[in-house]
PDB file of N, CA and C in Angstrom:
ATOM      1  N   UNK A   1      10.568  19.531   5.570  1.00  0.00           N
ATOM      2  CA  UNK A   1      10.838  18.288   6.227  1.00  0.00           C
ATOM      3  C   UNK A   1      12.335  18.000   6.249  1.00  0.00           C
ATOM      4  N   UNK A   2      13.036  18.259   5.166  1.00  0.00           N
ATOM      5  CA  UNK A   2      14.454  17.909   5.109  1.00  0.00           C
ATOM      6  C   UNK A   2      15.291  18.694   6.104  1.00  0.00           C
ATOM      7  N   UNK A   3      14.802  19.844   6.548  1.00  0.00           N
ATOM      8  CA  UNK A   3      15.559  20.624   7.533  1.00  0.00           C
ATOM      9  C   UNK A   3      15.483  20.019   8.926  1.00  0.00           C
ATOM     10  N   UNK A   4      14.484  19.193   9.182  1.00  0.00           N
ATOM     11  CA  UNK A   4      14.338  18.599  10.508  1.00  0.00           C
ATOM     12  C   UNK A   4      15.090  17.275  10.643  1.00  0.00           C
ATOM     13  N   UNK A   5      15.554  16.720   9.525  1.00  0.00           N
ATOM     14  CA  UNK A   5      16.267  15.446   9.531  1.00  0.00           C
ATOM     15  C   UNK A   5      17.766  15.724   9.425  1.00  0.00           C
ATOM     16  N   UNK A   6      18.568  15.196  10.345  1.00  0.00           N
ATOM     17  CA  UNK A   6      20.021  15.422  10.269  1.00  0.00           C
ATOM     18  C   UNK A   6      20.596  14.861   8.965  1.00  0.00           C
ATOM     19  N   UNK A   7      21.565  15.547   8.385  1.00  0.00           N
ATOM     20  CA  UNK A   7      22.135  15.115   7.107  1.00  0.00           C
ATOM     21  C   UNK A   7      22.792  13.744   7.221  1.00  0.00           C
ATOM     22  N   UNK A   8      23.296  13.410   8.394  1.00  0.00           N
ATOM     23  CA  UNK A   8      23.904  12.100   8.599  1.00  0.00           C
ATOM     24  C   UNK A   8      22.872  10.982   8.398  1.00  0.00           C
ATOM     25  N   UNK A   9      21.633  11.254   8.758  1.00  0.00           N
ATOM     26  CA  UNK A   9      20.571  10.254   8.614  1.00  0.00           C
ATOM     27  C   UNK A   9      20.350   9.903   7.145  1.00  0.00           C
ATOM     28  N   UNK A  10      20.456  10.879   6.262  1.00  0.00           N
ATOM     29  CA  UNK A  10      20.273  10.602   4.840  1.00  0.00           C
ATOM     30  C   UNK A  10      21.306   9.593   4.349  1.00  0.00           C
ATOM     31  N   UNK A  11      22.554   9.769   4.749  1.00  0.00           N
ATOM     32  CA  UNK A  11      23.604   8.845   4.342  1.00  0.00           C
ATOM     33  C   UNK A  11      23.396   7.454   4.915  1.00  0.00           C
ATOM     34  N   UNK A  12      23.040   7.389   6.186  1.00  0.00           N
ATOM     35  CA  UNK A  12      22.833   6.089   6.833  1.00  0.00           C
ATOM     36  C   UNK A  12      21.653   5.342   6.218  1.00  0.00           C
ATOM     37  N   UNK A  13      20.568   6.049   5.986  1.00  0.00           N
ATOM     38  CA  UNK A  13      19.388   5.410   5.383  1.00  0.00           C
ATOM     39  C   UNK A  13      19.687   5.033   3.935  1.00  0.00           C
ATOM     40  N   UNK A  14      20.395   5.898   3.228  1.00  0.00           N
ATOM     41  CA  UNK A  14      20.781   5.587   1.851  1.00  0.00           C
ATOM     42  C   UNK A  14      21.590   4.304   1.774  1.00  0.00           C
ATOM     43  N   UNK A  15      22.513   4.120   2.714  1.00  0.00           N
ATOM     44  CA  UNK A  15      23.283   2.876   2.771  1.00  0.00           C
ATOM     45  C   UNK A  15      22.388   1.690   3.091  1.00  0.00           C
ATOM     46  N   UNK A  16      21.476   1.883   4.045  1.00  0.00           N
ATOM     47  CA  UNK A  16      20.610   0.790   4.487  1.00  0.00           C
ATOM     48  C   UNK A  16      19.685   0.289   3.379  1.00  0.00           C
ATOM     49  N   UNK A  17      19.179   1.202   2.557  1.00  0.00           N
ATOM     50  CA  UNK A  17      18.262   0.772   1.487  1.00  0.00           C
ATOM     51  C   UNK A  17      18.972   0.611   0.145  1.00  0.00           C
ATOM     52  N   UNK A  18      20.284   0.823   0.145  1.00  0.00           N
ATOM     53  CA  UNK A  18      21.092   0.520  -1.036  1.00  0.00           C
ATOM     54  C   UNK A  18      21.042   1.525  -2.163  1.00  0.00           C
ATOM     55  N   UNK A  19      20.806   2.799  -1.843  1.00  0.00           N
ATOM     56  CA  UNK A  19      20.757   3.791  -2.924  1.00  0.00           C
ATOM     57  C   UNK A  19      21.917   4.784  -2.863  1.00  0.00           C
ATOM     58  N   UNK A  20      22.847   4.583  -1.942  1.00  0.00           N
ATOM     59  CA  UNK A  20      24.002   5.481  -1.862  1.00  0.00           C
ATOM     60  C   UNK A  20      25.205   4.793  -2.482  1.00  0.00           C
ATOM     61  N   UNK A  21      25.804   5.459  -3.464  1.00  0.00           N
ATOM     62  CA  UNK A  21      26.972   4.922  -4.151  1.00  0.00           C
ATOM     63  C   UNK A  21      28.057   5.983  -4.185  1.00  0.00           C
ATOM     64  N   UNK A  22      29.208   5.635  -3.640  1.00  0.00           N
ATOM     65  CA  UNK A  22      30.343   6.571  -3.572  1.00  0.00           C
ATOM     66  C   UNK A  22      29.962   7.877  -2.881  1.00  0.00           C
ATOM     67  N   UNK A  23      29.127   7.777  -1.854  1.00  0.00           N
ATOM     68  CA  UNK A  23      28.732   8.944  -1.088  1.00  0.00           C
ATOM     69  C   UNK A  23      27.627   9.781  -1.697  1.00  0.00           C
ATOM     70  N   UNK A  24      27.046   9.314  -2.813  1.00  0.00           N
ATOM     71  CA  UNK A  24      25.998  10.066  -3.507  1.00  0.00           C
ATOM     72  C   UNK A  24      24.714   9.245  -3.515  1.00  0.00           C
ATOM     73  N   UNK A  25      23.600   9.887  -3.181  1.00  0.00           N
ATOM     74  CA  UNK A  25      22.305   9.206  -3.235  1.00  0.00           C
ATOM     75  C   UNK A  25      21.831   9.142  -4.676  1.00  0.00           C
ATOM     76  N   UNK A  26      21.546   7.938  -5.157  1.00  0.00           N
ATOM     77  CA  UNK A  26      21.104   7.721  -6.531  1.00  0.00           C
ATOM     78  C   UNK A  26      19.651   7.250  -6.493  1.00  0.00           C
ATOM     79  N   UNK A  27      18.746   8.107  -6.941  1.00  0.00           N
ATOM     80  CA  UNK A  27      17.328   7.768  -6.993  1.00  0.00           C
ATOM     81  C   UNK A  27      17.014   7.284  -8.407  1.00  0.00           C
ATOM     82  N   UNK A  28      16.726   5.989  -8.540  1.00  0.00           N
ATOM     83  CA  UNK A  28      16.461   5.409  -9.852  1.00  0.00           C
ATOM     84  C   UNK A  28      15.041   5.677 -10.331  1.00  0.00           C
ATOM     85  N   UNK A  29      14.173   6.116  -9.423  1.00  0.00           N
ATOM     86  CA  UNK A  29      12.802   6.488  -9.794  1.00  0.00           C
ATOM     87  C   UNK A  29      12.310   7.545  -8.817  1.00  0.00           C
ATOM     88  N   UNK A  30      11.217   8.202  -9.186  1.00  0.00           N
ATOM     89  CA  UNK A  30      10.643   9.224  -8.311  1.00  0.00           C
ATOM     90  C   UNK A  30      10.129   8.616  -7.014  1.00  0.00           C
ATOM     91  N   UNK A  31       9.698   7.386  -7.069  1.00  0.00           N
ATOM     92  CA  UNK A  31       9.174   6.711  -5.880  1.00  0.00           C
ATOM     93  C   UNK A  31      10.225   6.556  -4.794  1.00  0.00           C
ATOM     94  N   UNK A  32      11.482   6.423  -5.181  1.00  0.00           N
ATOM     95  CA  UNK A  32      12.543   6.205  -4.201  1.00  0.00           C
ATOM     96  C   UNK A  32      12.722   7.403  -3.283  1.00  0.00           C
ATOM     97  N   UNK A  33      12.437   8.609  -3.755  1.00  0.00           N
ATOM     98  CA  UNK A  33      12.550   9.773  -2.871  1.00  0.00           C
ATOM     99  C   UNK A  33      11.508   9.689  -1.752  1.00  0.00           C
ATOM    100  N   UNK A  34      10.328   9.181  -2.058  1.00  0.00           N
ATOM    101  CA  UNK A  34       9.298   8.982  -1.035  1.00  0.00           C
ATOM    102  C   UNK A  34       9.691   7.904  -0.048  1.00  0.00           C
ATOM    103  N   UNK A  35      10.291   6.834  -0.553  1.00  0.00           N
ATOM    104  CA  UNK A  35      10.772   5.760   0.324  1.00  0.00           C
ATOM    105  C   UNK A  35      11.851   6.308   1.238  1.00  0.00           C
ATOM    106  N   UNK A  36      12.754   7.088   0.680  1.00  0.00           N
ATOM    107  CA  UNK A  36      13.841   7.680   1.460  1.00  0.00           C
ATOM    108  C   UNK A  36      13.283   8.574   2.569  1.00  0.00           C
ATOM    109  N   UNK A  37      12.344   9.419   2.225  1.00  0.00           N
ATOM    110  CA  UNK A  37      11.732  10.307   3.223  1.00  0.00           C
ATOM    111  C   UNK A  37      11.025   9.541   4.315  1.00  0.00           C
ATOM    112  N   UNK A  38      10.303   8.501   3.945  1.00  0.00           N
ATOM    113  CA  UNK A  38       9.608   7.685   4.942  1.00  0.00           C
ATOM    114  C   UNK A  38      10.572   6.976   5.880  1.00  0.00           C
ATOM    115  N   UNK A  39      11.652   6.474   5.321  1.00  0.00           N
ATOM    116  CA  UNK A  39      12.652   5.782   6.148  1.00  0.00           C
ATOM    117  C   UNK A  39      13.336   6.753   7.116  1.00  0.00           C
ATOM    118  N   UNK A  40      13.592   7.955   6.682  1.00  0.00           N
ATOM    119  CA  UNK A  40      14.259   8.933   7.533  1.00  0.00           C
ATOM    120  C   UNK A  40      13.371   9.337   8.716  1.00  0.00           C
ATOM    121  N   UNK A  41      12.085   9.365   8.486  1.00  0.00           N
ATOM    122  CA  UNK A  41      11.175   9.725   9.580  1.00  0.00           C
ATOM    123  C   UNK A  41      11.080   8.613  10.577  1.00  0.00           C
TER     124      UNK A  41
END
């Protein structure tokens, strides 16, 4: 799945849901990776 989503989308979605800090995605729980994937789709 991650190969079909542009890398720029990860940064934009990370900013939108507040999990990107200093250019790095910070997942505070395992659930956040699922939220991130759902938002990117």
